[in-house]
Protein backbone atom coordinates (compact mmCIF):
# COMPACT_ATOMS: atom_id res chain seq x y z
CA MET A 1 98.09 91.67 138.13
CA SER A 2 99.21 93.84 140.18
CA ASN A 3 99.09 97.87 140.04
CA PRO A 4 102.39 99.52 139.52
CA SER A 5 102.79 102.93 140.58
CA SER A 6 102.00 105.63 138.39
CA ASN A 7 105.77 106.77 138.21
CA ASP A 8 106.84 103.37 137.18
CA ARG A 9 104.96 104.41 133.96
CA THR A 10 106.19 106.83 131.06
CA PRO A 11 105.03 107.19 127.52
CA ASP A 12 108.18 106.25 126.40
CA ASP A 13 107.96 103.03 128.52
CA VAL A 14 104.90 102.10 126.61
CA THR A 15 105.86 103.04 123.03
CA GLY A 16 109.70 100.79 123.79
CA LEU A 17 107.49 98.44 124.85
CA LEU A 18 104.96 97.86 121.86
CA LEU A 19 107.73 98.64 119.19
CA ALA A 20 109.46 95.87 121.33
CA TRP A 21 107.26 93.15 121.51
CA ARG A 22 105.85 94.17 117.44
CA ALA A 23 109.39 92.67 117.05
CA GLY A 24 109.11 89.83 117.94
CA ASP A 25 109.94 90.24 122.03
CA ALA A 26 107.91 87.85 123.59
CA VAL A 27 109.00 89.57 127.66
CA ALA A 28 107.99 92.89 126.64
CA GLY A 29 104.74 92.06 125.74
CA GLU A 30 104.94 90.65 129.89
CA ARG A 31 106.19 94.03 130.93
CA LEU A 32 103.97 95.97 128.70
CA ILE A 33 100.61 94.92 131.29
CA HIS A 34 102.36 96.31 133.89
CA VAL A 35 102.86 99.45 132.78
CA VAL A 36 99.55 100.07 131.12
CA TYR A 37 97.31 98.38 133.57
CA GLU A 38 96.73 100.90 135.63
CA GLU A 39 95.48 103.04 132.77
CA LEU A 40 93.58 100.12 131.19
CA HIS A 41 91.36 99.84 134.43
CA ARG A 42 90.56 103.41 134.55
CA GLN A 43 89.32 102.73 130.72
CA ALA A 44 87.29 99.96 132.00
CA GLU A 45 86.22 102.39 134.96
CA ARG A 46 84.86 104.70 132.59
CA ALA A 47 83.17 102.78 130.91
CA MET A 48 81.56 100.83 132.86
CA ARG A 49 80.75 103.88 134.63
CA ARG A 50 77.45 103.91 132.04
CA GLU A 51 76.10 100.70 132.84
CA ASP A 52 73.38 99.20 134.43
CA ALA A 53 75.14 99.09 138.68
CA ALA A 54 73.97 95.53 138.26
CA HIS A 55 75.93 94.77 135.72
CA THR A 56 77.25 91.25 135.75
CA LEU A 57 81.11 92.72 133.93
CA GLN A 58 83.72 94.50 136.92
CA PRO A 59 86.56 96.75 135.48
CA THR A 60 88.66 94.62 136.08
CA ALA A 61 86.98 91.68 134.27
CA LEU A 62 86.65 93.58 131.76
CA VAL A 63 90.60 95.13 131.47
CA ASN A 64 91.76 91.39 131.46
CA GLU A 65 89.05 90.43 128.29
CA ALA A 66 89.37 93.70 126.55
CA TYR A 67 94.01 92.77 127.05
CA LEU A 68 93.67 88.76 125.96
CA ARG A 69 92.17 90.06 123.25
CA LEU A 70 94.61 92.88 122.42
CA LEU A 71 97.68 89.87 122.80
CA ASN A 72 95.55 88.17 119.68
CA GLN A 73 95.79 91.89 117.69
CA GLU A 74 98.00 89.73 114.37
CA ARG A 75 97.23 92.42 112.06
CA ILE A 76 98.16 95.65 114.11
CA GLU A 77 101.39 97.55 113.70
CA TRP A 78 102.26 98.86 117.37
CA ARG A 79 103.16 102.63 116.44
CA ASN A 80 103.13 104.12 120.30
CA ARG A 81 101.04 104.82 123.22
CA ALA A 82 98.38 106.63 122.60
CA GLN A 83 97.36 103.90 119.46
CA PHE A 84 97.45 101.62 121.90
CA PHE A 85 95.42 102.94 124.51
CA GLY A 86 92.95 103.60 121.07
CA VAL A 87 92.58 99.66 120.56
CA ALA A 88 91.74 99.44 124.49
CA ALA A 89 88.88 101.34 123.69
CA GLN A 90 87.53 99.39 120.50
CA VAL A 91 88.47 96.33 121.69
CA MET A 92 86.81 97.43 125.86
CA ARG A 93 83.55 98.81 123.53
CA ARG A 94 83.61 94.73 121.76
CA VAL A 95 83.70 93.37 125.18
CA LEU A 96 80.67 95.16 126.72
CA VAL A 97 78.25 95.07 123.14
CA ASP A 98 79.43 90.78 122.72
CA HIS A 99 78.70 90.76 126.89
CA ALA A 100 75.27 92.35 126.05
CA ARG A 101 74.47 90.12 123.16
CA ALA A 102 74.93 87.46 125.60
CA ARG A 103 73.18 88.89 127.82
CA LEU A 104 70.31 89.57 125.57
CA ALA A 105 70.16 85.38 124.57
CA GLU A 106 70.71 84.28 127.91
CA LYS A 107 67.01 86.83 129.44
CA ARG A 108 66.03 85.24 125.09
CA GLY A 109 64.65 88.67 124.37
CA GLY A 110 64.87 90.53 127.36
CA GLY A 111 65.52 94.11 127.63
CA ILE A 112 69.41 95.35 128.19
CA ALA A 113 70.41 97.41 130.75
CA ALA A 114 71.03 101.57 129.42
CA VAL A 115 74.12 103.42 129.71
CA SER A 116 73.98 107.21 130.43
CA LEU A 117 74.81 109.38 127.48
CA GLN A 118 74.94 112.06 130.49
CA GLU A 119 78.67 114.16 130.16
CA ASN A 120 80.73 113.27 132.90
CA LYS A 121 84.39 114.28 134.16
CA VAL A 122 86.84 112.04 131.91
CA GLY A 123 84.64 112.06 128.34
CA GLY A 124 82.25 113.59 125.93
CA SER A 125 78.57 113.01 125.55
CA LEU A 126 76.27 112.32 122.92
CA ASP A 127 73.64 114.88 124.45
CA ALA A 128 73.09 117.49 126.62
CA ASP A 129 70.03 115.31 128.10
CA ASP A 130 70.55 113.43 130.97
CA ARG A 131 69.24 110.48 129.13
CA ASP A 132 70.15 106.62 128.60
CA VAL A 133 70.32 104.95 125.11
CA ASP A 134 70.70 101.05 124.82
CA ILE A 135 74.38 99.67 124.61
CA LEU A 136 73.43 97.88 121.07
CA ALA A 137 71.47 100.26 120.01
CA LEU A 138 74.33 103.02 120.55
CA HIS A 139 76.85 100.37 119.34
CA ASP A 140 75.05 100.26 115.90
CA ALA A 141 74.52 103.23 115.46
CA ILE A 142 78.40 104.20 115.59
CA GLU A 143 78.66 100.90 113.39
CA ARG A 144 76.25 103.37 110.69
CA LEU A 145 78.54 105.86 111.29
CA SER A 146 81.93 104.71 110.85
CA GLU A 147 80.57 103.22 107.39
CA LEU A 148 80.18 106.86 106.46
CA ASP A 149 82.52 108.47 108.16
CA ALA A 150 84.86 106.21 110.53
CA ALA A 151 86.94 109.06 111.58
CA GLN A 152 84.26 110.17 113.09
CA ALA A 153 82.79 107.44 114.56
CA ARG A 154 86.64 106.60 116.07
CA VAL A 155 86.59 109.62 117.52
CA VAL A 156 83.26 108.67 119.34
CA GLU A 157 84.58 105.92 120.53
CA LEU A 158 87.72 107.10 121.67
CA ARG A 159 85.76 110.33 123.39
CA TYR A 160 82.56 108.20 124.99
CA PHE A 161 84.37 104.79 125.02
CA ALA A 162 87.49 105.58 126.53
CA GLY A 163 86.55 109.22 127.75
CA LEU A 164 90.23 110.41 126.10
CA THR A 165 89.89 114.38 126.03
CA ILE A 166 89.88 116.83 122.90
CA GLU A 167 93.82 116.23 123.08
CA GLU A 168 94.48 112.30 124.15
CA THR A 169 92.14 111.79 121.22
CA ALA A 170 94.22 113.88 118.42
CA GLU A 171 97.63 112.31 119.67
CA ALA A 172 95.70 108.35 119.15
CA LEU A 173 94.21 109.57 116.10
CA GLU A 174 97.48 111.37 114.66
CA ILE A 175 95.48 114.64 113.54
CA SER A 176 94.86 117.96 115.11
CA PRO A 177 92.86 119.16 118.42
CA ALA A 178 90.59 120.83 115.88
CA THR A 179 89.55 118.54 113.46
CA VAL A 180 88.29 115.97 116.37
CA LYS A 181 86.36 118.98 117.74
CA ARG A 182 84.69 119.53 114.39
CA GLU A 183 84.25 115.80 114.03
CA TRP A 184 82.88 115.65 117.79
CA VAL A 185 80.53 118.46 117.32
CA VAL A 186 79.08 116.94 113.32
CA ALA A 187 79.17 113.03 115.29
CA ARG A 188 77.31 113.98 117.96
CA ALA A 189 74.66 115.69 116.41
CA TRP A 190 74.65 112.88 113.61
CA LEU A 191 73.87 109.95 116.98
CA ARG A 192 71.75 111.93 118.25
CA ARG A 193 69.44 112.00 115.71
CA GLU A 194 70.16 107.81 114.92
CA LEU A 195 69.15 107.80 118.46
CA ASP A 196 66.33 109.59 118.44
CA ARG A 197 64.79 106.97 115.64
C-alpha cells in the first residue's frame, strides 16, 4: 500500500467512495484504501503508542489487518467518513485484543504487556495517573460498560483507542460535542473504578 499525499484526500471523497462501495462498486473499495490509508496509519500509531515497545504487531500490520476486517463488514451501512473511522477504531481495538489473547495463549498464562492510560496529545486518557492497565482488562471493562451504556463505551473507544478529538467523536457518533464531553467524563470515572478493583 502506498501513502497518498494529504491533498489527495477530502472528507467528501471518503463519503462518496464509501457510498459507491456500499452500492457495489468494487473499484470504489479499492480506491478507498488509497484515500484513507494515511489516517488509518495515524490511528494505528496512536493505538500502538499505548502498547509495550517490544510488541510484535507494528502499525502497518495493524492497518492491514484492520482494513481486511473492514472489507468484510457486510452488515454495516456505510454513511460517511466519520462513521468509517469510528468503525476502524473499533476494529483496531479488536485486532489488538485478539493479538493479546494469542500472545497469552502462546505463553500459557504468561503476562500481557500493559498499556498506558496516560494522556496524550491526540486522544484522551482514562485517568490522570500515569499508570498501566492490561489491554485485556481494559477491553473487558469496556465490554461491561457497553452492557450498561453502549454510547459511553463508543465514546471511550473513539477517544481512547482512535485518539479522536471531542469534535471528531461527536461527528462519528452523530451527537453534539457537549454530549461527548459529558459521556466521556462519566465513562472515565466508571472505568477508573472498574480498573481499580
